[in-house]
């Protein structure tokens, strides 16, 4: 049996209005290594003593899809915020 992914990977996306930053955190321990504790093979967190390293996110398709997803999330949040503000102003106008 062949496994394509031998390290657990987490992709972190930081979105701002003018830029989108990607960071790929990869566990340094092989996920199939039975000598390591399961927590050391699976967990991928940032920290001084934890076995995770930051590696570049390569390619075009995945970063482009992540950027579009973040843009769509921000659009929905902005829509909900505007809807909430309109509702709040209408609600406050009832008490005047």
C-alpha atoms as a PDB file:
ATOM      1  CA  UNK A   1       0.000   0.000   0.000  1.00  0.00           C
ATOM      2  CA  UNK A   2       1.355   3.413  -0.990  1.00  0.00           C
ATOM      3  CA  UNK A   3       0.529   6.579   0.944  1.00  0.00           C
ATOM      4  CA  UNK A   4       0.878   9.872  -0.876  1.00  0.00           C
ATOM      5  CA  UNK A   5       0.831  12.020   2.260  1.00  0.00           C
ATOM      6  CA  UNK A   6       3.322  10.919   4.900  1.00  0.00           C
ATOM      7  CA  UNK A   7       3.186  14.126   6.985  1.00  0.00           C
ATOM      8  CA  UNK A   8       0.157  15.810   8.469  1.00  0.00           C
ATOM      9  CA  UNK A   9      -0.282  19.315   7.015  1.00  0.00           C
ATOM     10  CA  UNK A  10      -2.306  22.336   8.163  1.00  0.00           C
ATOM     11  CA  UNK A  11      -2.776  25.361   5.893  1.00  0.00           C
ATOM     12  CA  UNK A  12      -3.293  28.713   7.606  1.00  0.00           C
ATOM     13  CA  UNK A  13      -4.766  31.609   5.620  1.00  0.00           C
ATOM     14  CA  UNK A  14      -4.605  35.231   6.777  1.00  0.00           C
ATOM     15  CA  UNK A  15      -6.789  37.513   4.691  1.00  0.00           C
ATOM     16  CA  UNK A  16      -6.741  41.310   4.553  1.00  0.00           C
ATOM     17  CA  UNK A  17      -8.350  43.642   2.041  1.00  0.00           C
ATOM     18  CA  UNK A  18      -5.183  43.996  -0.030  1.00  0.00           C
ATOM     19  CA  UNK A  19      -3.422  40.701   0.488  1.00  0.00           C
ATOM     20  CA  UNK A  20      -3.864  37.034   1.304  1.00  0.00           C
ATOM     21  CA  UNK A  21      -1.084  35.189   3.178  1.00  0.00           C
ATOM     22  CA  UNK A  22      -0.734  31.425   3.205  1.00  0.00           C
ATOM     23  CA  UNK A  23       1.293  29.324   5.605  1.00  0.00           C
ATOM     24  CA  UNK A  24       1.641  25.564   5.406  1.00  0.00           C
ATOM     25  CA  UNK A  25       2.555  23.885   8.690  1.00  0.00           C
ATOM     26  CA  UNK A  26       3.884  20.368   8.346  1.00  0.00           C
ATOM     27  CA  UNK A  27       4.537  17.870  11.124  1.00  0.00           C
ATOM     28  CA  UNK A  28       8.154  16.691  11.031  1.00  0.00           C
ATOM     29  CA  UNK A  29       7.269  13.166  12.110  1.00  0.00           C
ATOM     30  CA  UNK A  30       6.111  10.628   9.550  1.00  0.00           C
ATOM     31  CA  UNK A  31       2.444   9.778  10.159  1.00  0.00           C
ATOM     32  CA  UNK A  32       3.141   6.058   9.592  1.00  0.00           C
ATOM     33  CA  UNK A  33       6.083   5.877  12.042  1.00  0.00           C
ATOM     34  CA  UNK A  34       4.887   3.555  14.815  1.00  0.00           C
ATOM     35  CA  UNK A  35       7.922   4.358  17.001  1.00  0.00           C
ATOM     36  CA  UNK A  36       6.582   7.854  17.671  1.00  0.00           C
ATOM     37  CA  UNK A  37       3.692   8.622  19.990  1.00  0.00           C
ATOM     38  CA  UNK A  38       0.438   9.231  18.030  1.00  0.00           C
ATOM     39  CA  UNK A  39       0.229  12.774  19.421  1.00  0.00           C
ATOM     40  CA  UNK A  40       3.695  13.549  18.052  1.00  0.00           C
ATOM     41  CA  UNK A  41       2.737  12.230  14.611  1.00  0.00           C
ATOM     42  CA  UNK A  42      -0.670  13.905  14.298  1.00  0.00           C
ATOM     43  CA  UNK A  43      -0.572  17.280  16.034  1.00  0.00           C
ATOM     44  CA  UNK A  44       0.571  20.242  13.959  1.00  0.00           C
ATOM     45  CA  UNK A  45       0.774  23.393  16.067  1.00  0.00           C
ATOM     46  CA  UNK A  46       3.162  26.288  16.132  1.00  0.00           C
ATOM     47  CA  UNK A  47       5.546  26.393  19.031  1.00  0.00           C
ATOM     48  CA  UNK A  48       9.140  26.254  20.107  1.00  0.00           C
ATOM     49  CA  UNK A  49       9.232  22.638  21.241  1.00  0.00           C
ATOM     50  CA  UNK A  50       6.597  21.178  18.913  1.00  0.00           C
ATOM     51  CA  UNK A  51       7.544  19.144  15.819  1.00  0.00           C
ATOM     52  CA  UNK A  52       6.028  21.437  13.180  1.00  0.00           C
ATOM     53  CA  UNK A  53       7.833  23.387  10.509  1.00  0.00           C
ATOM     54  CA  UNK A  54       6.628  26.057   8.127  1.00  0.00           C
ATOM     55  CA  UNK A  55       7.002  25.068   4.482  1.00  0.00           C
ATOM     56  CA  UNK A  56       6.052  27.051   1.357  1.00  0.00           C
ATOM     57  CA  UNK A  57       2.677  26.461  -0.225  1.00  0.00           C
ATOM     58  CA  UNK A  58       3.455  25.671  -3.847  1.00  0.00           C
ATOM     59  CA  UNK A  59       1.260  25.710  -6.910  1.00  0.00           C
ATOM     60  CA  UNK A  60      -1.468  27.921  -8.302  1.00  0.00           C
ATOM     61  CA  UNK A  61      -4.760  26.054  -7.942  1.00  0.00           C
ATOM     62  CA  UNK A  62      -4.954  25.610  -4.156  1.00  0.00           C
ATOM     63  CA  UNK A  63      -3.857  29.159  -3.214  1.00  0.00           C
ATOM     64  CA  UNK A  64      -6.253  30.582  -5.803  1.00  0.00           C
ATOM     65  CA  UNK A  65      -9.171  28.515  -4.442  1.00  0.00           C
ATOM     66  CA  UNK A  66      -8.305  29.470  -0.855  1.00  0.00           C
ATOM     67  CA  UNK A  67      -8.176  33.141  -1.784  1.00  0.00           C
ATOM     68  CA  UNK A  68     -11.574  32.913  -3.496  1.00  0.00           C
ATOM     69  CA  UNK A  69     -13.008  31.111  -0.477  1.00  0.00           C
ATOM     70  CA  UNK A  70     -11.725  33.811   1.871  1.00  0.00           C
ATOM     71  CA  UNK A  71     -13.165  36.511  -0.391  1.00  0.00           C
ATOM     72  CA  UNK A  72     -16.575  34.778  -0.343  1.00  0.00           C
ATOM     73  CA  UNK A  73     -16.481  34.451   3.456  1.00  0.00           C
ATOM     74  CA  UNK A  74     -15.737  38.164   3.794  1.00  0.00           C
ATOM     75  CA  UNK A  75     -18.602  39.001   1.397  1.00  0.00           C
ATOM     76  CA  UNK A  76     -21.042  36.981   3.515  1.00  0.00           C
ATOM     77  CA  UNK A  77     -19.794  38.567   6.737  1.00  0.00           C
ATOM     78  CA  UNK A  78     -20.157  42.058   5.242  1.00  0.00           C
ATOM     79  CA  UNK A  79     -23.680  41.232   4.056  1.00  0.00           C
ATOM     80  CA  UNK A  80     -24.661  39.939   7.491  1.00  0.00           C
ATOM     81  CA  UNK A  81     -23.144  42.994   9.161  1.00  0.00           C
ATOM     82  CA  UNK A  82     -25.111  45.367   6.915  1.00  0.00           C
ATOM     83  CA  UNK A  83     -28.276  43.342   7.484  1.00  0.00           C
ATOM     84  CA  UNK A  84     -27.715  43.456  11.262  1.00  0.00           C
ATOM     85  CA  UNK A  85     -27.124  47.230  11.220  1.00  0.00           C
ATOM     86  CA  UNK A  86     -30.311  47.830   9.229  1.00  0.00           C
ATOM     87  CA  UNK A  87     -32.230  45.621  11.651  1.00  0.00           C
ATOM     88  CA  UNK A  88     -30.696  47.435  14.631  1.00  0.00           C
ATOM     89  CA  UNK A  89     -31.631  50.896  13.285  1.00  0.00           C
ATOM     90  CA  UNK A  90     -35.180  49.721  12.597  1.00  0.00           C
ATOM     91  CA  UNK A  91     -35.428  48.224  16.067  1.00  0.00           C
ATOM     92  CA  UNK A  92     -34.105  51.398  17.723  1.00  0.00           C
ATOM     93  CA  UNK A  93     -36.515  53.545  15.726  1.00  0.00           C
ATOM     94  CA  UNK A  94     -39.425  51.765  17.447  1.00  0.00           C
ATOM     95  CA  UNK A  95     -38.443  53.303  20.777  1.00  0.00           C
ATOM     96  CA  UNK A  96     -38.282  56.888  19.582  1.00  0.00           C
END
